[in-house]
Amino acid sequence: KARHRLSRSGDRQLNSVLHTIAVTQIRMPNSPGHAYYQRKLSEGKTPREAKRCLKRRLADHVWRIMIADERMSKHRLPQAT
């Protein structure tokens, strides 16, 4: 399989946190992350690929939360006149 890999020089601390969250969710049978991981395995992905997919999904979720938080903070600030 030919794969395109992104640079590993990104935010290593954030990657470590996402990895910890992914591993924790995989180990918890009733979590949405575990169900997503099992679904990816049933699609034929290797455990490593399935974990990578879960980490990407978690990163997307964190990003959406950050953007929503930024929008809310802009609405809360009083406008300068």
PDB file of N, CA and C in Angstrom:
ATOM      1  N   LYS A   1       0.837  -1.181   0.000  1.00  0.00           N
ATOM      2  CA  LYS A   1       0.000   0.000   0.000  1.00  0.00           C
ATOM      3  C   LYS A   1       0.877   1.238   0.000  1.00  0.00           C
ATOM      4  N   ALA A   2       0.606   2.144  -0.916  1.00  0.00           N
ATOM      5  CA  ALA A   2       1.331   3.418  -0.955  1.00  0.00           C
ATOM      6  C   ALA A   2       0.594   4.406  -0.057  1.00  0.00           C
ATOM      7  N   ARG A   3       1.327   5.013   0.853  1.00  0.00           N
ATOM      8  CA  ARG A   3       0.713   5.933   1.796  1.00  0.00           C
ATOM      9  C   ARG A   3       1.411   7.287   1.745  1.00  0.00           C
ATOM     10  N   HIS A   4       0.614   8.328   1.908  1.00  0.00           N
ATOM     11  CA  HIS A   4       1.159   9.670   2.015  1.00  0.00           C
ATOM     12  C   HIS A   4       1.221  10.018   3.487  1.00  0.00           C
ATOM     13  N   ARG A   5       2.394  10.320   3.960  1.00  0.00           N
ATOM     14  CA  ARG A   5       2.558  10.651   5.378  1.00  0.00           C
ATOM     15  C   ARG A   5       2.797  12.139   5.549  1.00  0.00           C
ATOM     16  N   LEU A   6       2.113  12.711   6.501  1.00  0.00           N
ATOM     17  CA  LEU A   6       2.326  14.111   6.831  1.00  0.00           C
ATOM     18  C   LEU A   6       3.585  14.247   7.668  1.00  0.00           C
ATOM     19  N   SER A   7       4.081  15.448   7.751  1.00  0.00           N
ATOM     20  CA  SER A   7       5.276  15.720   8.540  1.00  0.00           C
ATOM     21  C   SER A   7       5.028  15.373  10.004  1.00  0.00           C
ATOM     22  N   ARG A   8       6.001  14.728  10.622  1.00  0.00           N
ATOM     23  CA  ARG A   8       5.895  14.389  12.042  1.00  0.00           C
ATOM     24  C   ARG A   8       6.391  15.527  12.929  1.00  0.00           C
ATOM     25  N   SER A   9       6.735  16.649  12.331  1.00  0.00           N
ATOM     26  CA  SER A   9       7.301  17.746  13.112  1.00  0.00           C
ATOM     27  C   SER A   9       6.229  18.681  13.662  1.00  0.00           C
ATOM     28  N   GLY A  10       5.001  18.221  13.748  1.00  0.00           N
ATOM     29  CA  GLY A  10       3.913  19.041  14.260  1.00  0.00           C
ATOM     30  C   GLY A  10       3.966  19.160  15.775  1.00  0.00           C
ATOM     31  N   ASP A  11       2.864  19.461  16.376  1.00  0.00           N
ATOM     32  CA  ASP A  11       2.764  19.638  17.819  1.00  0.00           C
ATOM     33  C   ASP A  11       2.813  18.273  18.498  1.00  0.00           C
ATOM     34  N   ARG A  12       3.985  17.886  18.992  1.00  0.00           N
ATOM     35  CA  ARG A  12       4.165  16.559  19.571  1.00  0.00           C
ATOM     36  C   ARG A  12       3.382  16.408  20.877  1.00  0.00           C
ATOM     37  N   GLN A  13       3.254  17.480  21.624  1.00  0.00           N
ATOM     38  CA  GLN A  13       2.508  17.425  22.876  1.00  0.00           C
ATOM     39  C   GLN A  13       1.027  17.163  22.603  1.00  0.00           C
ATOM     40  N   LEU A  14       0.474  17.833  21.605  1.00  0.00           N
ATOM     41  CA  LEU A  14      -0.916  17.615  21.238  1.00  0.00           C
ATOM     42  C   LEU A  14      -1.113  16.198  20.709  1.00  0.00           C
ATOM     43  N   ASN A  15      -0.171  15.725  19.897  1.00  0.00           N
ATOM     44  CA  ASN A  15      -0.262  14.363  19.374  1.00  0.00           C
ATOM     45  C   ASN A  15      -0.247  13.348  20.509  1.00  0.00           C
ATOM     46  N   SER A  16       0.564  13.596  21.511  1.00  0.00           N
ATOM     47  CA  SER A  16       0.632  12.698  22.663  1.00  0.00           C
ATOM     48  C   SER A  16      -0.704  12.645  23.398  1.00  0.00           C
ATOM     49  N   VAL A  17      -1.335  13.797  23.556  1.00  0.00           N
ATOM     50  CA  VAL A  17      -2.633  13.863  24.219  1.00  0.00           C
ATOM     51  C   VAL A  17      -3.693  13.115  23.402  1.00  0.00           C
ATOM     52  N   LEU A  18      -3.696  13.335  22.089  1.00  0.00           N
ATOM     53  CA  LEU A  18      -4.666  12.637  21.226  1.00  0.00           C
ATOM     54  C   LEU A  18      -4.449  11.128  21.275  1.00  0.00           C
ATOM     55  N   HIS A  19      -3.189  10.703  21.328  1.00  0.00           N
ATOM     56  CA  HIS A  19      -2.889   9.277  21.423  1.00  0.00           C
ATOM     57  C   HIS A  19      -3.438   8.693  22.726  1.00  0.00           C
ATOM     58  N   THR A  20      -3.225   9.408  23.829  1.00  0.00           N
ATOM     59  CA  THR A  20      -3.706   8.945  25.133  1.00  0.00           C
ATOM     60  C   THR A  20      -5.233   8.837  25.140  1.00  0.00           C
ATOM     61  N   ILE A  21      -5.908   9.821  24.566  1.00  0.00           N
ATOM     62  CA  ILE A  21      -7.368   9.796  24.496  1.00  0.00           C
ATOM     63  C   ILE A  21      -7.829   8.616  23.647  1.00  0.00           C
ATOM     64  N   ALA A  22      -7.170   8.410  22.497  1.00  0.00           N
ATOM     65  CA  ALA A  22      -7.552   7.321  21.595  1.00  0.00           C
ATOM     66  C   ALA A  22      -7.380   5.965  22.274  1.00  0.00           C
ATOM     67  N   VAL A  23      -6.245   5.751  22.913  1.00  0.00           N
ATOM     68  CA  VAL A  23      -5.990   4.470  23.585  1.00  0.00           C
ATOM     69  C   VAL A  23      -6.999   4.246  24.703  1.00  0.00           C
ATOM     70  N   THR A  24      -7.310   5.296  25.444  1.00  0.00           N
ATOM     71  CA  THR A  24      -8.288   5.177  26.531  1.00  0.00           C
ATOM     72  C   THR A  24      -9.666   4.820  25.981  1.00  0.00           C
ATOM     73  N   GLN A  25     -10.081   5.472  24.908  1.00  0.00           N
ATOM     74  CA  GLN A  25     -11.393   5.170  24.329  1.00  0.00           C
ATOM     75  C   GLN A  25     -11.442   3.767  23.744  1.00  0.00           C
ATOM     76  N   ILE A  26     -10.347   3.335  23.126  1.00  0.00           N
ATOM     77  CA  ILE A  26     -10.302   1.980  22.565  1.00  0.00           C
ATOM     78  C   ILE A  26     -10.485   0.943  23.665  1.00  0.00           C
ATOM     79  N   ARG A  27      -9.942   1.217  24.835  1.00  0.00           N
ATOM     80  CA  ARG A  27     -10.009   0.263  25.961  1.00  0.00           C
ATOM     81  C   ARG A  27     -11.357   0.271  26.672  1.00  0.00           C
ATOM     82  N   MET A  28     -12.178   1.288  26.439  1.00  0.00           N
ATOM     83  CA  MET A  28     -13.474   1.385  27.112  1.00  0.00           C
ATOM     84  C   MET A  28     -14.561   0.874  26.177  1.00  0.00           C
ATOM     85  N   PRO A  29     -15.111  -0.314  26.435  1.00  0.00           N
ATOM     86  CA  PRO A  29     -16.037  -0.962  25.494  1.00  0.00           C
ATOM     87  C   PRO A  29     -17.301  -0.178  25.160  1.00  0.00           C
ATOM     88  N   ASN A  30     -17.768   0.696  26.034  1.00  0.00           N
ATOM     89  CA  ASN A  30     -19.021   1.414  25.777  1.00  0.00           C
ATOM     90  C   ASN A  30     -18.817   2.817  25.233  1.00  0.00           C
ATOM     91  N   SER A  31     -17.582   3.176  24.899  1.00  0.00           N
ATOM     92  CA  SER A  31     -17.331   4.533  24.424  1.00  0.00           C
ATOM     93  C   SER A  31     -17.564   4.635  22.916  1.00  0.00           C
ATOM     94  N   PRO A  32     -17.913   5.825  22.438  1.00  0.00           N
ATOM     95  CA  PRO A  32     -18.079   6.016  20.989  1.00  0.00           C
ATOM     96  C   PRO A  32     -16.774   5.764  20.231  1.00  0.00           C
ATOM     97  N   GLY A  33     -15.647   6.082  20.864  1.00  0.00           N
ATOM     98  CA  GLY A  33     -14.357   5.853  20.228  1.00  0.00           C
ATOM     99  C   GLY A  33     -14.085   4.375  20.003  1.00  0.00           C
ATOM    100  N   HIS A  34     -14.479   3.552  20.950  1.00  0.00           N
ATOM    101  CA  HIS A  34     -14.306   2.102  20.816  1.00  0.00           C
ATOM    102  C   HIS A  34     -15.154   1.572  19.664  1.00  0.00           C
ATOM    103  N   ALA A  35     -16.389   2.026  19.579  1.00  0.00           N
ATOM    104  CA  ALA A  35     -17.273   1.590  18.493  1.00  0.00           C
ATOM    105  C   ALA A  35     -16.703   2.019  17.138  1.00  0.00           C
ATOM    106  N   TYR A  36     -16.176   3.246  17.062  1.00  0.00           N
ATOM    107  CA  TYR A  36     -15.586   3.742  15.811  1.00  0.00           C
ATOM    108  C   TYR A  36     -14.370   2.894  15.439  1.00  0.00           C
ATOM    109  N   TYR A  37     -13.521   2.603  16.419  1.00  0.00           N
ATOM    110  CA  TYR A  37     -12.326   1.783  16.200  1.00  0.00           C
ATOM    111  C   TYR A  37     -12.711   0.390  15.695  1.00  0.00           C
ATOM    112  N   GLN A  38     -13.715  -0.226  16.320  1.00  0.00           N
ATOM    113  CA  GLN A  38     -14.164  -1.561  15.889  1.00  0.00           C
ATOM    114  C   GLN A  38     -14.744  -1.517  14.473  1.00  0.00           C
ATOM    115  N   ARG A  39     -15.450  -0.440  14.153  1.00  0.00           N
ATOM    116  CA  ARG A  39     -16.017  -0.286  12.820  1.00  0.00           C
ATOM    117  C   ARG A  39     -14.903  -0.205  11.768  1.00  0.00           C
ATOM    118  N   LYS A  40     -13.845   0.526  12.093  1.00  0.00           N
ATOM    119  CA  LYS A  40     -12.722   0.637  11.171  1.00  0.00           C
ATOM    120  C   LYS A  40     -12.017  -0.709  10.991  1.00  0.00           C
ATOM    121  N   LEU A  41     -11.904  -1.466  12.074  1.00  0.00           N
ATOM    122  CA  LEU A  41     -11.305  -2.797  11.973  1.00  0.00           C
ATOM    123  C   LEU A  41     -12.157  -3.700  11.079  1.00  0.00           C
ATOM    124  N   SER A  42     -13.477  -3.603  11.219  1.00  0.00           N
ATOM    125  CA  SER A  42     -14.367  -4.436  10.409  1.00  0.00           C
ATOM    126  C   SER A  42     -14.334  -4.028   8.935  1.00  0.00           C
ATOM    127  N   GLU A  43     -13.910  -2.784   8.652  1.00  0.00           N
ATOM    128  CA  GLU A  43     -13.756  -2.318   7.270  1.00  0.00           C
ATOM    129  C   GLU A  43     -12.481  -2.852   6.631  1.00  0.00           C
ATOM    130  N   GLY A  44     -11.669  -3.550   7.422  1.00  0.00           N
ATOM    131  CA  GLY A  44     -10.445  -4.133   6.881  1.00  0.00           C
ATOM    132  C   GLY A  44      -9.177  -3.368   7.204  1.00  0.00           C
ATOM    133  N   LYS A  45      -9.279  -2.347   8.039  1.00  0.00           N
ATOM    134  CA  LYS A  45      -8.100  -1.584   8.420  1.00  0.00           C
ATOM    135  C   LYS A  45      -7.301  -2.354   9.471  1.00  0.00           C
ATOM    136  N   THR A  46      -6.002  -2.140   9.501  1.00  0.00           N
ATOM    137  CA  THR A  46      -5.169  -2.746  10.527  1.00  0.00           C
ATOM    138  C   THR A  46      -5.409  -1.988  11.839  1.00  0.00           C
ATOM    139  N   PRO A  47      -5.049  -2.572  12.974  1.00  0.00           N
ATOM    140  CA  PRO A  47      -5.226  -1.838  14.239  1.00  0.00           C
ATOM    141  C   PRO A  47      -4.510  -0.483  14.244  1.00  0.00           C
ATOM    142  N   ARG A  48      -3.365  -0.425  13.643  1.00  0.00           N
ATOM    143  CA  ARG A  48      -2.630   0.843  13.592  1.00  0.00           C
ATOM    144  C   ARG A  48      -3.371   1.875  12.739  1.00  0.00           C
ATOM    145  N   GLU A  49      -3.891   1.440  11.604  1.00  0.00           N
ATOM    146  CA  GLU A  49      -4.656   2.349  10.735  1.00  0.00           C
ATOM    147  C   GLU A  49      -5.942   2.795  11.417  1.00  0.00           C
ATOM    148  N   ALA A  50      -6.605   1.868  12.113  1.00  0.00           N
ATOM    149  CA  ALA A  50      -7.852   2.199  12.804  1.00  0.00           C
ATOM    150  C   ALA A  50      -7.599   3.220  13.913  1.00  0.00           C
ATOM    151  N   LYS A  51      -6.480   3.052  14.623  1.00  0.00           N
ATOM    152  CA  LYS A  51      -6.142   4.019  15.676  1.00  0.00           C
ATOM    153  C   LYS A  51      -5.830   5.378  15.066  1.00  0.00           C
ATOM    154  N   ARG A  52      -5.168   5.398  13.911  1.00  0.00           N
ATOM    155  CA  ARG A  52      -4.863   6.652  13.230  1.00  0.00           C
ATOM    156  C   ARG A  52      -6.155   7.354  12.823  1.00  0.00           C
ATOM    157  N   CYS A  53      -7.135   6.592  12.341  1.00  0.00           N
ATOM    158  CA  CYS A  53      -8.430   7.170  11.968  1.00  0.00           C
ATOM    159  C   CYS A  53      -9.124   7.774  13.185  1.00  0.00           C
ATOM    160  N   LEU A  54      -9.075   7.057  14.311  1.00  0.00           N
ATOM    161  CA  LEU A  54      -9.691   7.552  15.542  1.00  0.00           C
ATOM    162  C   LEU A  54      -9.007   8.836  15.997  1.00  0.00           C
ATOM    163  N   LYS A  55      -7.684   8.873  15.938  1.00  0.00           N
ATOM    164  CA  LYS A  55      -6.963  10.079  16.342  1.00  0.00           C
ATOM    165  C   LYS A  55      -7.329  11.261  15.449  1.00  0.00           C
ATOM    166  N   ARG A  56      -7.499  10.994  14.155  1.00  0.00           N
ATOM    167  CA  ARG A  56      -7.886  12.073  13.244  1.00  0.00           C
ATOM    168  C   ARG A  56      -9.279  12.585  13.584  1.00  0.00           C
ATOM    169  N   ARG A  57     -10.184  11.665  13.898  1.00  0.00           N
ATOM    170  CA  ARG A  57     -11.545  12.051  14.269  1.00  0.00           C
ATOM    171  C   ARG A  57     -11.530  12.876  15.557  1.00  0.00           C
ATOM    172  N   LEU A  58     -10.712  12.474  16.518  1.00  0.00           N
ATOM    173  CA  LEU A  58     -10.597  13.232  17.767  1.00  0.00           C
ATOM    174  C   LEU A  58     -10.019  14.623  17.506  1.00  0.00           C
ATOM    175  N   ALA A  59      -9.019  14.700  16.640  1.00  0.00           N
ATOM    176  CA  ALA A  59      -8.411  15.994  16.306  1.00  0.00           C
ATOM    177  C   ALA A  59      -9.436  16.915  15.651  1.00  0.00           C
ATOM    178  N   ASP A  60     -10.243  16.357  14.748  1.00  0.00           N
ATOM    179  CA  ASP A  60     -11.291  17.156  14.111  1.00  0.00           C
ATOM    180  C   ASP A  60     -12.291  17.668  15.140  1.00  0.00           C
ATOM    181  N   HIS A  61     -12.639  16.821  16.103  1.00  0.00           N
ATOM    182  CA  HIS A  61     -13.588  17.208  17.154  1.00  0.00           C
ATOM    183  C   HIS A  61     -13.000  18.339  18.011  1.00  0.00           C
ATOM    184  N   VAL A  62     -11.748  18.195  18.410  1.00  0.00           N
ATOM    185  CA  VAL A  62     -11.085  19.231  19.212  1.00  0.00           C
ATOM    186  C   VAL A  62     -11.035  20.545  18.426  1.00  0.00           C
ATOM    187  N   TRP A  63     -10.746  20.461  17.129  1.00  0.00           N
ATOM    188  CA  TRP A  63     -10.682  21.665  16.298  1.00  0.00           C
ATOM    189  C   TRP A  63     -12.034  22.382  16.253  1.00  0.00           C
ATOM    190  N   ARG A  64     -13.109  21.602  16.062  1.00  0.00           N
ATOM    191  CA  ARG A  64     -14.449  22.218  16.023  1.00  0.00           C
ATOM    192  C   ARG A  64     -14.776  22.891  17.352  1.00  0.00           C
ATOM    193  N   ILE A  65     -14.394  22.282  18.456  1.00  0.00           N
ATOM    194  CA  ILE A  65     -14.636  22.883  19.775  1.00  0.00           C
ATOM    195  C   ILE A  65     -13.844  24.185  19.922  1.00  0.00           C
ATOM    196  N   MET A  66     -12.600  24.175  19.465  1.00  0.00           N
ATOM    197  CA  MET A  66     -11.770  25.381  19.556  1.00  0.00           C
ATOM    198  C   MET A  66     -12.366  26.528  18.734  1.00  0.00           C
ATOM    199  N   ILE A  67     -12.826  26.233  17.536  1.00  0.00           N
ATOM    200  CA  ILE A  67     -13.421  27.263  16.676  1.00  0.00           C
ATOM    201  C   ILE A  67     -14.706  27.796  17.303  1.00  0.00           C
ATOM    202  N   ALA A  68     -15.539  26.903  17.827  1.00  0.00           N
ATOM    203  CA  ALA A  68     -16.790  27.331  18.470  1.00  0.00           C
ATOM    204  C   ALA A  68     -16.490  28.192  19.693  1.00  0.00           C
ATOM    205  N   ASP A  69     -15.466  27.826  20.460  1.00  0.00           N
ATOM    206  CA  ASP A  69     -15.096  28.598  21.639  1.00  0.00           C
ATOM    207  C   ASP A  69     -14.599  29.990  21.241  1.00  0.00           C
ATOM    208  N   GLU A  70     -13.828  30.048  20.162  1.00  0.00           N
ATOM    209  CA  GLU A  70     -13.339  31.349  19.694  1.00  0.00           C
ATOM    210  C   GLU A  70     -14.499  32.245  19.262  1.00  0.00           C
ATOM    211  N   ARG A  71     -15.463  31.669  18.553  1.00  0.00           N
ATOM    212  CA  ARG A  71     -16.627  32.450  18.117  1.00  0.00           C
ATOM    213  C   ARG A  71     -17.424  32.962  19.311  1.00  0.00           C
ATOM    214  N   MET A  72     -17.590  32.115  20.313  1.00  0.00           N
ATOM    215  CA  MET A  72     -18.340  32.523  21.508  1.00  0.00           C
ATOM    216  C   MET A  72     -17.606  33.629  22.260  1.00  0.00           C
ATOM    217  N   SER A  73     -16.286  33.552  22.324  1.00  0.00           N
ATOM    218  CA  SER A  73     -15.541  34.579  23.054  1.00  0.00           C
ATOM    219  C   SER A  73     -15.610  35.917  22.331  1.00  0.00           C
ATOM    220  N   LYS A  74     -15.692  35.901  21.009  1.00  0.00           N
ATOM    221  CA  LYS A  74     -15.826  37.153  20.263  1.00  0.00           C
ATOM    222  C   LYS A  74     -17.179  37.797  20.522  1.00  0.00           C
ATOM    223  N   HIS A  75     -18.217  37.000  20.694  1.00  0.00           N
ATOM    224  CA  HIS A  75     -19.556  37.534  20.962  1.00  0.00           C
ATOM    225  C   HIS A  75     -19.667  38.091  22.372  1.00  0.00           C
ATOM    226  N   ARG A  76     -18.891  37.549  23.296  1.00  0.00           N
ATOM    227  CA  ARG A  76     -18.963  37.985  24.690  1.00  0.00           C
ATOM    228  C   ARG A  76     -18.224  39.301  24.939  1.00  0.00           C
ATOM    229  N   LEU A  77     -17.211  39.587  24.124  1.00  0.00           N
ATOM    230  CA  LEU A  77     -16.431  40.809  24.321  1.00  0.00           C
ATOM    231  C   LEU A  77     -17.254  42.033  23.922  1.00  0.00           C
ATOM    232  N   PRO A  78     -17.226  43.078  24.727  1.00  0.00           N
ATOM    233  CA  PRO A  78     -17.957  44.294  24.344  1.00  0.00           C
ATOM    234  C   PRO A  78     -17.249  44.961  23.159  1.00  0.00           C
ATOM    235  N   GLN A  79     -18.032  45.498  22.247  1.00  0.00           N
ATOM    236  CA  GLN A  79     -17.498  46.153  21.064  1.00  0.00           C
ATOM    237  C   GLN A  79     -16.983  47.547  21.426  1.00  0.00           C
ATOM    238  N   ALA A  80     -15.783  47.844  20.942  1.00  0.00           N
ATOM    239  CA  ALA A  80     -15.180  49.179  21.192  1.00  0.00           C
ATOM    240  C   ALA A  80     -15.834  50.180  20.251  1.00  0.00           C
ATOM    241  N   THR A  81     -16.124  51.367  20.775  1.00  0.00           N
ATOM    242  CA  THR A  81     -16.732  52.410  19.943  1.00  0.00           C
ATOM    243  C   THR A  81     -15.850  53.608  19.826  1.00  0.00           C
TER     244      THR A  81
END
